[in-house]
C-alpha atoms as a PDB file:
ATOM      1  CA  MET A   1      -0.192   0.273  -0.171  1.00  0.00           C
ATOM      2  CA  LYS A   2       3.013   1.919   0.399  1.00  0.00           C
ATOM      3  CA  LEU A   3       4.553   1.367  -2.265  1.00  0.00           C
ATOM      4  CA  ASN A   4       1.595   2.234  -4.234  1.00  0.00           C
ATOM      5  CA  THR A   5       1.064   5.910  -2.663  1.00  0.00           C
ATOM      6  CA  LEU A   6       4.655   6.527  -3.592  1.00  0.00           C
ATOM      7  CA  LEU A   7       4.210   5.433  -7.019  1.00  0.00           C
ATOM      8  CA  ILE A   8       1.192   7.463  -7.643  1.00  0.00           C
ATOM      9  CA  VAL A   9       3.401  10.793  -6.177  1.00  0.00           C
ATOM     10  CA  VAL A  10       6.079  10.549  -8.429  1.00  0.00           C
ATOM     11  CA  LEU A  11       4.198   9.700 -11.413  1.00  0.00           C
ATOM     12  CA  THR A  12       1.583  13.346 -10.408  1.00  0.00           C
ATOM     13  CA  SER A  13       4.824  15.191 -10.659  1.00  0.00           C
ATOM     14  CA  VAL A  14       6.228  13.743 -13.834  1.00  0.00           C
ATOM     15  CA  LEU A  15       3.081  15.164 -15.489  1.00  0.00           C
ATOM     16  CA  SER A  16       2.623  18.464 -13.512  1.00  0.00           C
ATOM     17  CA  VAL A  17       6.587  19.161 -14.732  1.00  0.00           C
ATOM     18  CA  SER A  18       5.561  17.893 -18.294  1.00  0.00           C
ATOM     19  CA  CYS A  19       2.613  20.418 -18.710  1.00  0.00           C
ATOM     20  CA  THR A  20       3.943  23.462 -17.373  1.00  0.00           C
ATOM     21  CA  PRO A  21       4.529  26.028 -20.083  1.00  0.00           C
ATOM     22  CA  ASN A  22       7.776  26.883 -21.888  1.00  0.00           C
ATOM     23  CA  THR A  23       7.890  30.505 -21.021  1.00  0.00           C
ATOM     24  CA  ASN A  24      11.456  30.566 -22.740  1.00  0.00           C
ATOM     25  CA  ASN A  25      10.205  29.666 -25.655  1.00  0.00           C
ATOM     26  CA  ASP A  26      12.496  26.487 -26.079  1.00  0.00           C
ATOM     27  CA  ASN A  27      15.795  28.213 -25.173  1.00  0.00           C
ATOM     28  CA  PRO A  28      18.033  27.338 -22.878  1.00  0.00           C
ATOM     29  CA  PRO A  29      18.177  29.528 -19.482  1.00  0.00           C
ATOM     30  CA  GLY A  30      20.149  32.618 -20.212  1.00  0.00           C
ATOM     31  CA  VAL A  31      20.100  32.155 -24.193  1.00  0.00           C
ATOM     32  CA  GLN A  32      18.265  34.651 -26.188  1.00  0.00           C
ATOM     33  CA  PRO A  33      15.785  33.735 -29.149  1.00  0.00           C
ATOM     34  CA  ALA A  34      17.762  33.857 -32.213  1.00  0.00           C
ATOM     35  CA  GLN A  35      17.934  37.448 -33.858  1.00  0.00           C
ATOM     36  CA  GLN A  36      15.929  38.020 -37.047  1.00  0.00           C
ATOM     37  CA  GLU A  37      17.424  38.833 -40.207  1.00  0.00           C
ATOM     38  CA  ILE A  38      17.045  41.284 -42.904  1.00  0.00           C
ATOM     39  CA  LYS A  39      18.644  40.747 -45.980  1.00  0.00           C
ATOM     40  CA  ILE A  40      19.361  43.272 -48.828  1.00  0.00           C
ATOM     41  CA  THR A  41      20.451  42.786 -52.244  1.00  0.00           C
ATOM     42  CA  GLY A  42      20.080  44.782 -55.478  1.00  0.00           C
ATOM     43  CA  ALA A  43      21.573  47.718 -57.427  1.00  0.00           C
ATOM     44  CA  ALA A  44      24.969  48.868 -55.847  1.00  0.00           C
ATOM     45  CA  THR A  45      23.965  52.543 -56.332  1.00  0.00           C
ATOM     46  CA  PRO A  46      21.193  52.938 -53.150  1.00  0.00           C
ATOM     47  CA  TYR A  47      23.755  50.703 -51.338  1.00  0.00           C
ATOM     48  CA  PRO A  48      25.423  53.516 -49.354  1.00  0.00           C
ATOM     49  CA  ALA A  49      22.432  55.029 -48.748  1.00  0.00           C
ATOM     50  CA  MET A  50      20.557  52.280 -47.213  1.00  0.00           C
ATOM     51  CA  LYS A  51      23.856  51.453 -45.022  1.00  0.00           C
ATOM     52  CA  ALA A  52      23.335  54.725 -43.307  1.00  0.00           C
ATOM     53  CA  LEU A  53      20.139  54.163 -42.625  1.00  0.00           C
ATOM     54  CA  ALA A  54      21.220  50.450 -41.575  1.00  0.00           C
ATOM     55  CA  VAL A  55      23.822  52.118 -39.122  1.00  0.00           C
ATOM     56  CA  ALA A  56      21.505  54.555 -37.579  1.00  0.00           C
ATOM     57  CA  TYR A  57      18.472  52.469 -36.948  1.00  0.00           C
ATOM     58  CA  GLU A  58      18.294  51.426 -32.992  1.00  0.00           C
ATOM     59  CA  GLY A  59      16.494  48.495 -33.769  1.00  0.00           C
ATOM     60  CA  LYS A  60      17.328  44.574 -32.711  1.00  0.00           C
ATOM     61  CA  THR A  61      17.618  43.560 -36.418  1.00  0.00           C
ATOM     62  CA  LYS A  62      20.698  42.084 -37.914  1.00  0.00           C
ATOM     63  CA  ILE A  63      20.952  44.312 -41.386  1.00  0.00           C
ATOM     64  CA  SER A  64      23.072  42.462 -44.051  1.00  0.00           C
ATOM     65  CA  PHE A  65      23.841  43.432 -47.625  1.00  0.00           C
ATOM     66  CA  LEU A  66      24.358  40.687 -49.942  1.00  0.00           C
ATOM     67  CA  PRO A  67      26.778  41.404 -53.183  1.00  0.00           C
ATOM     68  CA  SER A  68      25.214  44.242 -54.857  1.00  0.00           C
ATOM     69  CA  SER A  69      24.744  43.760 -58.691  1.00  0.00           C
ATOM     70  CA  GLN A  70      21.915  45.233 -60.697  1.00  0.00           C
ATOM     71  CA  SER A  71      18.338  46.122 -59.989  1.00  0.00           C
ATOM     72  CA  ALA A  72      17.101  43.073 -61.840  1.00  0.00           C
ATOM     73  CA  SER A  73      18.572  40.985 -58.777  1.00  0.00           C
ATOM     74  CA  GLY A  74      16.980  43.315 -56.014  1.00  0.00           C
ATOM     75  CA  ILE A  75      13.760  42.600 -57.721  1.00  0.00           C
ATOM     76  CA  GLY A  76      13.911  39.128 -58.403  1.00  0.00           C
ATOM     77  CA  GLY A  77      15.742  38.242 -54.402  1.00  0.00           C
ATOM     78  CA  VAL A  78      12.419  39.448 -53.001  1.00  0.00           C
ATOM     79  CA  LYS A  79      10.207  37.733 -55.402  1.00  0.00           C
ATOM     80  CA  ASN A  80      12.284  34.472 -54.721  1.00  0.00           C
ATOM     81  CA  GLU A  81      12.514  35.204 -50.997  1.00  0.00           C
ATOM     82  CA  LEU A  82      16.536  35.008 -51.113  1.00  0.00           C
ATOM     83  CA  ALA A  83      15.989  38.866 -49.727  1.00  0.00           C
ATOM     84  CA  GLU A  84      13.579  41.084 -47.980  1.00  0.00           C
ATOM     85  CA  ILE A  85      14.871  44.136 -49.379  1.00  0.00           C
ATOM     86  CA  GLY A  86      15.829  44.947 -53.117  1.00  0.00           C
ATOM     87  CA  THR A  87      17.205  47.940 -54.244  1.00  0.00           C
ATOM     88  CA  VAL A  88      16.604  49.650 -57.170  1.00  0.00           C
ATOM     89  CA  THR A  89      17.155  52.658 -59.490  1.00  0.00           C
ATOM     90  CA  ARG A  90      14.588  52.490 -62.013  1.00  0.00           C
ATOM     91  CA  LYS A  91      10.989  51.693 -61.566  1.00  0.00           C
ATOM     92  CA  LEU A  92       9.164  48.209 -62.081  1.00  0.00           C
ATOM     93  CA  LYS A  93       8.920  47.015 -65.863  1.00  0.00           C
ATOM     94  CA  PRO A  94       5.224  45.851 -66.557  1.00  0.00           C
ATOM     95  CA  GLU A  95       5.837  42.271 -66.410  1.00  0.00           C
ATOM     96  CA  GLU A  96       7.658  42.493 -63.403  1.00  0.00           C
ATOM     97  CA  ASN A  97       5.232  43.888 -61.611  1.00  0.00           C
ATOM     98  CA  ASP A  98       2.675  41.099 -60.593  1.00  0.00           C
ATOM     99  CA  GLY A  99       1.158  42.309 -57.536  1.00  0.00           C
ATOM    100  CA  SER A 100       3.417  40.513 -55.135  1.00  0.00           C
ATOM    101  CA  LEU A 101       5.838  43.542 -54.428  1.00  0.00           C
ATOM    102  CA  VAL A 102       5.584  47.486 -52.938  1.00  0.00           C
ATOM    103  CA  TYR A 103       7.894  49.927 -54.879  1.00  0.00           C
ATOM    104  CA  ARG A 104       8.894  53.327 -53.226  1.00  0.00           C
ATOM    105  CA  GLU A 105      11.066  56.063 -53.865  1.00  0.00           C
ATOM    106  CA  PHE A 106      12.949  56.955 -50.886  1.00  0.00           C
ATOM    107  CA  ALA A 107      16.142  59.289 -51.651  1.00  0.00           C
ATOM    108  CA  ARG A 108      17.746  60.888 -54.709  1.00  0.00           C
ATOM    109  CA  ASP A 109      21.452  61.054 -55.529  1.00  0.00           C
ATOM    110  CA  ALA A 110      23.054  63.898 -57.722  1.00  0.00           C
ATOM    111  CA  LEU A 111      25.988  62.813 -60.453  1.00  0.00           C
ATOM    112  CA  VAL A 112      28.958  65.303 -59.794  1.00  0.00           C
ATOM    113  CA  VAL A 113      31.476  65.321 -62.538  1.00  0.00           C
ATOM    114  CA  ALA A 114      34.523  65.927 -60.871  1.00  0.00           C
ATOM    115  CA  THR A 115      38.530  66.007 -61.760  1.00  0.00           C
ATOM    116  CA  HIS A 116      41.792  64.888 -60.389  1.00  0.00           C
ATOM    117  CA  SER A 117      42.960  67.814 -57.998  1.00  0.00           C
ATOM    118  CA  SER A 118      45.947  67.950 -60.890  1.00  0.00           C
ATOM    119  CA  VAL A 119      43.502  69.775 -62.979  1.00  0.00           C
ATOM    120  CA  GLU A 120      43.515  73.804 -62.552  1.00  0.00           C
ATOM    121  CA  GLY A 121      41.234  76.551 -64.329  1.00  0.00           C
ATOM    122  CA  VAL A 122      38.618  74.215 -65.040  1.00  0.00           C
ATOM    123  CA  THR A 123      35.665  74.762 -63.049  1.00  0.00           C
ATOM    124  CA  ASN A 124      32.650  74.957 -64.981  1.00  0.00           C
ATOM    125  CA  LEU A 125      31.951  72.688 -68.497  1.00  0.00           C
ATOM    126  CA  ALA A 126      29.194  73.281 -70.947  1.00  0.00           C
ATOM    127  CA  THR A 127      27.444  70.348 -72.718  1.00  0.00           C
ATOM    128  CA  GLU A 128      29.256  71.204 -75.705  1.00  0.00           C
ATOM    129  CA  ASP A 129      32.671  70.563 -73.930  1.00  0.00           C
ATOM    130  CA  LEU A 130      31.155  67.773 -72.358  1.00  0.00           C
ATOM    131  CA  LYS A 131      30.642  65.932 -75.356  1.00  0.00           C
ATOM    132  CA  ALA A 132      34.015  66.912 -76.893  1.00  0.00           C
ATOM    133  CA  ILE A 133      35.549  64.948 -73.846  1.00  0.00           C
ATOM    134  CA  TYR A 134      33.999  62.416 -73.611  1.00  0.00           C
ATOM    135  CA  SER A 135      33.877  61.595 -77.626  1.00  0.00           C
ATOM    136  CA  GLY A 136      37.291  62.203 -78.112  1.00  0.00           C
ATOM    137  CA  ALA A 137      37.090  65.263 -80.036  1.00  0.00           C
ATOM    138  CA  VAL A 138      39.366  67.598 -76.943  1.00  0.00           C
ATOM    139  CA  THR A 139      42.485  65.576 -75.594  1.00  0.00           C
ATOM    140  CA  ASN A 140      43.824  68.391 -73.988  1.00  0.00           C
ATOM    141  CA  TRP A 141      42.756  70.407 -70.768  1.00  0.00           C
ATOM    142  CA  GLN A 142      43.893  73.685 -72.205  1.00  0.00           C
ATOM    143  CA  ASP A 143      41.155  73.463 -75.113  1.00  0.00           C
ATOM    144  CA  VAL A 144      38.822  73.881 -72.083  1.00  0.00           C
ATOM    145  CA  GLY A 145      40.792  76.166 -70.195  1.00  0.00           C
ATOM    146  CA  GLY A 146      42.932  74.338 -68.346  1.00  0.00           C
ATOM    147  CA  GLN A 147      46.625  73.553 -68.483  1.00  0.00           C
ATOM    148  CA  ASN A 148      48.392  71.777 -71.137  1.00  0.00           C
ATOM    149  CA  ALA A 149      47.888  68.119 -70.214  1.00  0.00           C
ATOM    150  CA  THR A 150      46.268  65.043 -71.641  1.00  0.00           C
ATOM    151  CA  ILE A 151      42.558  64.271 -70.376  1.00  0.00           C
ATOM    152  CA  VAL A 152      42.055  60.882 -69.023  1.00  0.00           C
ATOM    153  CA  VAL A 153      38.718  60.095 -69.602  1.00  0.00           C
ATOM    154  CA  LEU A 154      37.060  57.865 -66.808  1.00  0.00           C
ATOM    155  CA  ASP A 155      33.555  56.028 -68.241  1.00  0.00           C
ATOM    156  CA  ARG A 156      30.821  53.512 -67.251  1.00  0.00           C
ATOM    157  CA  PRO A 157      29.746  50.783 -69.331  1.00  0.00           C
ATOM    158  CA  GLU A 158      26.224  51.926 -71.062  1.00  0.00           C
ATOM    159  CA  ASP A 159      24.043  50.010 -68.690  1.00  0.00           C
ATOM    160  CA  GLU A 160      24.995  51.403 -65.528  1.00  0.00           C
ATOM    161  CA  SER A 161      23.028  54.315 -64.545  1.00  0.00           C
ATOM    162  CA  ALA A 162      25.488  57.413 -64.274  1.00  0.00           C
ATOM    163  CA  LYS A 163      26.510  56.734 -68.148  1.00  0.00           C
ATOM    164  CA  ARG A 164      22.661  56.400 -68.841  1.00  0.00           C
ATOM    165  CA  LEU A 165      22.242  59.858 -67.420  1.00  0.00           C
ATOM    166  CA  LEU A 166      25.209  61.823 -68.804  1.00  0.00           C
ATOM    167  CA  ARG A 167      23.581  60.653 -72.498  1.00  0.00           C
ATOM    168  CA  GLN A 168      19.958  61.447 -71.316  1.00  0.00           C
ATOM    169  CA  HIS A 169      21.072  65.407 -70.194  1.00  0.00           C
ATOM    170  CA  TYR A 170      24.591  65.781 -71.805  1.00  0.00           C
ATOM    171  CA  LEU A 171      26.252  63.868 -74.515  1.00  0.00           C
ATOM    172  CA  GLY A 172      23.486  62.511 -76.108  1.00  0.00           C
ATOM    173  CA  LYS A 173      22.371  59.077 -77.454  1.00  0.00           C
ATOM    174  CA  GLU A 174      24.290  58.839 -80.551  1.00  0.00           C
ATOM    175  CA  LEU A 175      27.849  60.541 -79.291  1.00  0.00           C
ATOM    176  CA  LYS A 176      30.364  57.897 -79.696  1.00  0.00           C
ATOM    177  CA  ASN A 177      32.826  56.925 -77.027  1.00  0.00           C
ATOM    178  CA  ALA A 178      36.047  58.176 -76.721  1.00  0.00           C
ATOM    179  CA  PRO A 179      38.798  55.281 -77.826  1.00  0.00           C
ATOM    180  CA  ASP A 180      40.875  55.735 -75.152  1.00  0.00           C
ATOM    181  CA  ALA A 181      38.640  55.862 -72.481  1.00  0.00           C
ATOM    182  CA  VAL A 182      38.815  53.460 -69.359  1.00  0.00           C
ATOM    183  CA  ILE A 183      35.471  51.797 -69.132  1.00  0.00           C
ATOM    184  CA  LEU A 184      34.898  51.287 -65.358  1.00  0.00           C
ATOM    185  CA  ARG A 185      32.518  48.866 -64.295  1.00  0.00           C
ATOM    186  CA  HIS A 186      32.228  49.488 -60.697  1.00  0.00           C
ATOM    187  CA  GLU A 187      31.543  52.989 -59.248  1.00  0.00           C
ATOM    188  CA  LYS A 188      33.908  52.407 -56.324  1.00  0.00           C
ATOM    189  CA  GLU A 189      36.673  51.333 -58.951  1.00  0.00           C
ATOM    190  CA  LEU A 190      36.036  55.099 -60.843  1.00  0.00           C
ATOM    191  CA  ILE A 191      36.184  57.000 -57.665  1.00  0.00           C
ATOM    192  CA  ALA A 192      39.498  54.923 -56.489  1.00  0.00           C
ATOM    193  CA  THR A 193      40.903  55.758 -60.158  1.00  0.00           C
ATOM    194  CA  ILE A 194      40.338  59.291 -60.554  1.00  0.00           C
ATOM    195  CA  ARG A 195      41.626  59.958 -56.973  1.00  0.00           C
ATOM    196  CA  ASP A 196      44.726  58.501 -58.038  1.00  0.00           C
ATOM    197  CA  THR A 197      44.738  59.773 -61.765  1.00  0.00           C
ATOM    198  CA  PRO A 198      46.276  62.941 -62.601  1.00  0.00           C
ATOM    199  CA  TYR A 199      44.215  64.342 -65.192  1.00  0.00           C
ATOM    200  CA  SER A 200      41.232  62.273 -65.294  1.00  0.00           C
ATOM    201  CA  ILE A 201      37.431  63.272 -65.479  1.00  0.00           C
ATOM    202  CA  GLY A 202      34.575  60.987 -64.349  1.00  0.00           C
ATOM    203  CA  ALA A 203      30.978  61.087 -63.320  1.00  0.00           C
ATOM    204  CA  PHE A 204      29.702  59.437 -59.756  1.00  0.00           C
ATOM    205  CA  SER A 205      27.981  59.814 -56.491  1.00  0.00           C
ATOM    206  CA  LEU A 206      27.626  63.434 -55.132  1.00  0.00           C
ATOM    207  CA  ALA A 207      26.931  61.711 -51.729  1.00  0.00           C
ATOM    208  CA  SER A 208      30.028  59.510 -51.859  1.00  0.00           C
ATOM    209  CA  ALA A 209      32.247  62.197 -52.586  1.00  0.00           C
ATOM    210  CA  LEU A 210      30.618  64.338 -49.518  1.00  0.00           C
ATOM    211  CA  ALA A 211      30.371  61.195 -47.233  1.00  0.00           C
ATOM    212  CA  ASN A 212      34.295  60.460 -47.918  1.00  0.00           C
ATOM    213  CA  GLN A 213      35.564  64.211 -48.296  1.00  0.00           C
ATOM    214  CA  LEU A 214      37.296  63.009 -51.761  1.00  0.00           C
ATOM    215  CA  PRO A 215      39.825  65.313 -52.696  1.00  0.00           C
ATOM    216  CA  VAL A 216      38.400  66.124 -56.323  1.00  0.00           C
ATOM    217  CA  ASN A 217      37.143  69.223 -58.182  1.00  0.00           C
ATOM    218  CA  HIS A 218      33.564  69.275 -58.455  1.00  0.00           C
ATOM    219  CA  LEU A 219      32.602  70.692 -61.559  1.00  0.00           C
ATOM    220  CA  ARG A 220      29.389  73.263 -62.271  1.00  0.00           C
ATOM    221  CA  LEU A 221      27.804  72.046 -65.485  1.00  0.00           C
ATOM    222  CA  ASN A 222      26.025  74.751 -68.013  1.00  0.00           C
ATOM    223  CA  GLY A 223      27.079  76.939 -64.225  1.00  0.00           C
ATOM    224  CA  VAL A 224      24.813  74.793 -62.425  1.00  0.00           C
ATOM    225  CA  GLU A 225      26.827  73.803 -59.128  1.00  0.00           C
ATOM    226  CA  PRO A 226      25.956  70.035 -58.194  1.00  0.00           C
ATOM    227  CA  THR A 227      24.611  70.741 -54.407  1.00  0.00           C
ATOM    228  CA  SER A 228      21.931  68.585 -52.224  1.00  0.00           C
ATOM    229  CA  GLU A 229      19.719  72.235 -52.625  1.00  0.00           C
ATOM    230  CA  ASN A 230      20.380  72.365 -56.389  1.00  0.00           C
ATOM    231  CA  VAL A 231      19.035  69.033 -56.437  1.00  0.00           C
ATOM    232  CA  GLN A 232      16.078  69.935 -53.620  1.00  0.00           C
ATOM    233  CA  LEU A 233      15.426  73.055 -55.928  1.00  0.00           C
ATOM    234  CA  GLY A 234      15.314  71.055 -59.448  1.00  0.00           C
ATOM    235  CA  LYS A 235      18.077  73.205 -60.894  1.00  0.00           C
ATOM    236  CA  TYR A 236      20.394  70.531 -60.999  1.00  0.00           C
ATOM    237  CA  PRO A 237      19.158  67.947 -63.752  1.00  0.00           C
ATOM    238  CA  MET A 238      21.387  64.501 -63.285  1.00  0.00           C
ATOM    239  CA  VAL A 239      19.821  62.589 -60.488  1.00  0.00           C
ATOM    240  CA  ARG A 240      19.669  59.285 -59.697  1.00  0.00           C
ATOM    241  CA  THR A 241      16.558  58.166 -58.070  1.00  0.00           C
ATOM    242  CA  LEU A 242      16.790  55.654 -55.303  1.00  0.00           C
ATOM    243  CA  ALA A 243      14.224  52.904 -54.766  1.00  0.00           C
ATOM    244  CA  LEU A 244      13.397  50.142 -52.866  1.00  0.00           C
ATOM    245  CA  VAL A 245      11.173  46.924 -53.437  1.00  0.00           C
ATOM    246  CA  TRP A 246       9.659  44.182 -50.700  1.00  0.00           C
ATOM    247  CA  SER A 247       6.665  41.628 -50.211  1.00  0.00           C
ATOM    248  CA  THR A 248       3.254  42.845 -49.474  1.00  0.00           C
ATOM    249  CA  THR A 249       3.467  39.757 -46.671  1.00  0.00           C
ATOM    250  CA  ALA A 250       7.205  41.678 -45.264  1.00  0.00           C
ATOM    251  CA  SER A 251       7.722  40.568 -42.046  1.00  0.00           C
ATOM    252  CA  ASP A 252       7.404  42.388 -38.952  1.00  0.00           C
ATOM    253  CA  SER A 253      10.892  43.442 -38.619  1.00  0.00           C
ATOM    254  CA  THR A 254      10.988  44.473 -42.018  1.00  0.00           C
ATOM    255  CA  GLN A 255       8.331  46.750 -42.019  1.00  0.00           C
ATOM    256  CA  LYS A 256       9.276  48.399 -38.734  1.00  0.00           C
ATOM    257  CA  PHE A 257      12.618  48.976 -40.521  1.00  0.00           C
ATOM    258  CA  LEU A 258      10.989  50.271 -43.920  1.00  0.00           C
ATOM    259  CA  ASP A 259       9.371  52.696 -40.826  1.00  0.00           C
ATOM    260  CA  PHE A 260      12.246  53.698 -39.713  1.00  0.00           C
ATOM    261  CA  ALA A 261      13.597  54.326 -43.730  1.00  0.00           C
ATOM    262  CA  PHE A 262      10.691  56.325 -44.738  1.00  0.00           C
ATOM    263  CA  SER A 263      10.160  58.109 -41.467  1.00  0.00           C
ATOM    264  CA  GLU A 264      11.239  61.575 -40.222  1.00  0.00           C
ATOM    265  CA  ALA A 265      14.260  60.255 -38.714  1.00  0.00           C
ATOM    266  CA  GLY A 266      15.295  58.547 -41.769  1.00  0.00           C
ATOM    267  CA  ALA A 267      15.376  61.376 -44.163  1.00  0.00           C
ATOM    268  CA  LYS A 268      17.423  63.497 -41.541  1.00  0.00           C
ATOM    269  CA  HIS A 269      20.215  60.521 -41.584  1.00  0.00           C
ATOM    270  CA  LEU A 270      19.841  60.350 -45.468  1.00  0.00           C
ATOM    271  CA  LEU A 271      20.425  64.271 -45.673  1.00  0.00           C
ATOM    272  CA  ASN A 272      22.937  64.084 -43.159  1.00  0.00           C
ATOM    273  CA  SER A 273      24.546  61.641 -45.105  1.00  0.00           C
ATOM    274  CA  GLY A 274      24.802  63.731 -48.547  1.00  0.00           C
ATOM    275  CA  PHE A 275      21.370  62.183 -50.308  1.00  0.00           C
ATOM    276  CA  VAL A 276      18.083  64.172 -50.599  1.00  0.00           C
ATOM    277  CA  PRO A 277      15.231  62.094 -49.107  1.00  0.00           C
ATOM    278  CA  SER A 278      12.085  61.272 -51.416  1.00  0.00           C
ATOM    279  CA  ARG A 279       9.668  63.050 -48.529  1.00  0.00           C
ATOM    280  CA  THR A 280       8.822  66.689 -49.342  1.00  0.00           C
ATOM    281  CA  ALA A 281       9.270  68.291 -45.827  1.00  0.00           C
ATOM    282  CA  ILE A 282      12.237  67.896 -43.126  1.00  0.00           C
ATOM    283  CA  GLU A 283      11.701  69.821 -40.359  1.00  0.00           C
END
């Protein structure tokens, strides 16, 4: 009888422990739940702006940047659930807009035409000057007001946003490229090359130039200076639109980061980093 009573007590204790709710979400004592991760992929141009936002974001979410490519990879990455956010520099094509994505512009970045610090006497270039330089019709700086030195043209591939903007606003679609131009695939390569190559000229992100305090000469184009203020006022035309895409069923952590990116606080961080936020009013 005593043995039966003991077995009943032990069995009752075991059942009591097994039915107790796990308040630690199956994590051992002292171990925090796994940190949620937001992966970003797509066009390289918006990456610096997104990294500025990621650094400023004070949430507990880990934000990772996959190797950058082009806008199509950002769109495909989100659709195929390889990333939570895609970076793009263009609007969605009709065949890409199947209703599964949200598209929204978040910032603008001016494209500055700059020269190596060795170039003297050239502070402004007219459209015809740019055409002559980028086509190779003019090969010496003294022909546009500078010293007697050979111009080193640093250019981008035709499918990159920088070259498309140059053609749209200044060079035209039919202008042939200078035969001796150095074609650089990535913007960071162009920035490093123009910084280290005397008498060179190239076009790249104004925000990158400002954020990194690059020792290069920013040129006025047709008398208009490349500044954030002139971009906001619509005076400086050569501007890239930076946008994001994400799933219509985005997770709570992804949505919270996006809410920050499009908030007043996010806009101020973008402005402080040299970008012009798409929000129309910044207090």
